[in-house]
Protein backbone atom coordinates (compact mmCIF):
# COMPACT_ATOMS: atom_id res chain seq x y z
CA MET A 1 0.00 0.00 0.00
CA VAL A 2 2.72 2.44 0.98
CA THR A 3 4.68 1.74 -2.20
CA HIS A 4 1.60 2.38 -4.35
CA ALA A 5 0.80 5.53 -2.39
CA ILE A 6 4.32 6.85 -2.94
CA HIS A 7 4.18 5.95 -6.64
CA SER A 8 0.98 8.01 -6.83
CA LEU A 9 2.74 11.24 -5.83
CA GLY A 10 2.07 13.91 -8.43
CA ILE A 11 -1.12 12.38 -9.84
CA PRO A 12 -3.77 15.10 -10.10
CA TYR A 13 -6.69 15.33 -7.70
CA ARG A 14 -10.03 14.42 -9.19
CA TRP A 15 -13.23 14.29 -7.16
CA GLY A 16 -14.56 10.73 -7.34
CA GLY A 17 -11.31 9.48 -8.86
CA SER A 18 -9.84 6.16 -7.82
CA SER A 19 -7.13 5.32 -10.36
CA PRO A 20 -3.84 6.75 -11.60
CA VAL A 21 -5.42 7.25 -15.05
CA GLN A 22 -8.42 9.30 -13.91
CA GLY A 23 -6.80 10.86 -10.82
CA PHE A 24 -7.62 10.47 -7.13
CA ASP A 25 -9.69 11.99 -4.41
CA CYS A 26 -8.55 11.22 -0.87
CA SER A 27 -10.70 8.14 -0.29
CA GLY A 28 -10.18 6.91 -3.85
CA LEU A 29 -6.43 6.83 -3.21
CA VAL A 30 -7.11 4.63 -0.18
CA VAL A 31 -9.35 2.28 -2.16
CA TYR A 32 -6.76 1.98 -4.94
CA THR A 33 -3.74 1.35 -2.71
CA HIS A 34 -5.58 -1.08 -0.46
CA ALA A 35 -6.96 -3.05 -3.43
CA LYS A 36 -3.35 -3.57 -4.56
CA ALA A 37 -2.84 -5.36 -1.23
CA GLY A 38 -6.06 -7.39 -1.52
CA LEU A 39 -7.98 -5.22 0.97
CA PHE A 40 -11.27 -3.55 0.11
CA PRO A 41 -12.25 -0.68 2.40
CA PRO A 42 -15.46 1.30 1.78
CA ARG A 43 -15.35 4.05 -0.84
CA THR A 44 -15.88 7.19 1.26
CA ALA A 45 -13.62 8.66 3.93
CA ARG A 46 -16.49 8.72 6.44
CA ALA A 47 -17.27 5.03 5.87
CA GLN A 48 -13.56 4.19 6.09
CA PHE A 49 -13.35 6.01 9.43
CA GLU A 50 -16.47 4.29 10.77
CA SER A 51 -15.55 0.77 9.68
CA GLY A 52 -11.79 0.63 10.22
CA ARG A 53 -10.24 -0.68 13.42
CA LYS A 54 -9.14 2.15 15.73
CA VAL A 55 -5.43 2.88 16.03
CA THR A 56 -3.83 5.30 18.48
CA LYS A 57 -1.58 8.01 17.11
CA ALA A 58 1.31 6.58 19.12
CA SER A 59 0.96 3.16 17.48
CA LEU A 60 0.60 4.22 13.83
CA ARG A 61 2.19 1.84 11.32
CA PRO A 62 2.77 2.32 7.59
CA GLY A 63 -0.47 1.59 5.75
CA ASP A 64 -2.73 2.85 8.53
CA LEU A 65 -5.17 5.62 7.65
CA VAL A 66 -5.12 9.06 9.25
CA PHE A 67 -8.28 11.17 9.26
CA PHE A 68 -8.93 14.87 9.56
CA ASP A 69 -11.99 17.03 10.04
CA ALA A 70 -12.77 19.49 7.29
CA PRO A 71 -12.80 23.05 8.66
CA GLY A 72 -16.31 24.46 8.89
CA LYS A 73 -17.99 21.20 7.90
CA LYS A 74 -19.44 18.89 10.53
CA THR A 75 -19.74 15.74 8.42
CA ALA A 76 -16.76 15.97 6.04
CA PHE A 77 -13.60 13.95 6.50
CA HIS A 78 -10.23 13.89 4.80
CA VAL A 79 -8.04 10.77 4.78
CA GLY A 80 -4.40 10.02 4.14
CA ILE A 81 -2.19 6.93 4.16
CA TYR A 82 0.45 6.87 6.87
CA VAL A 83 3.91 6.08 5.46
CA GLY A 84 6.02 6.41 8.64
CA LYS A 85 8.01 9.01 10.59
CA SER A 86 4.91 11.24 11.03
CA ASN A 87 4.38 11.44 7.25
CA PHE A 88 1.36 10.52 5.17
CA VAL A 89 0.34 10.60 1.50
CA HIS A 90 -2.97 12.18 0.51
CA ALA A 91 -4.91 13.75 -2.35
CA PRO A 92 -5.45 17.25 -0.93
CA GLY A 93 -8.05 18.78 -3.21
CA ARG A 94 -9.00 20.49 -6.44
CA GLY A 95 -6.12 22.01 -8.37
CA LYS A 96 -3.56 19.99 -6.42
CA SER A 97 -1.97 16.59 -6.81
CA VAL A 98 -1.23 13.62 -4.57
CA ARG A 99 1.50 14.68 -2.14
CA GLN A 100 3.19 13.85 1.10
CA ALA A 101 2.52 15.82 4.27
CA THR A 102 3.44 15.59 7.94
CA LEU A 103 1.25 15.13 10.98
CA GLU A 104 3.48 17.77 12.60
CA ASN A 105 2.07 20.49 10.32
CA PRO A 106 -0.02 22.85 12.51
CA TYR A 107 -3.02 22.52 10.19
CA PHE A 108 -3.03 18.73 10.38
CA LYS A 109 -2.37 18.78 14.13
CA ARG A 110 -5.41 21.00 14.63
CA TYR A 111 -7.82 18.97 12.52
CA TYR A 112 -6.55 15.45 13.30
CA ARG A 113 -9.58 13.22 13.96
CA GLY A 114 -8.03 9.81 14.50
CA ALA A 115 -6.55 6.77 12.79
CA ARG A 116 -7.96 3.49 11.55
CA THR A 117 -6.55 0.37 9.94
CA PHE A 118 -7.75 -2.36 7.61
CA LEU A 119 -4.54 -4.40 7.99
């Protein structure tokens, strides 16, 4: 999963996208990378958060999913794939491409919701 996430760096964001050809949204990147490992999480970030097994921030392992609240929206979630050393890969939004970010970033610290795993 981590290898496929890293190989996806630079692929454009596309709402509803779940392949390198069409682009990715955040949960589509999760579906794609997990399918490569024979795992099939739900399609939306909210459903992934609700159905994954809870993981504490201190026990994150590569391949776990990290979730964030969307500012100003009560029901929206954003998801990324943890790759280790406080870093994760995600599809951040329109006009951007898949990139790596750190949980240490003040924005992500503020909106961190929790972690889940399907491993």
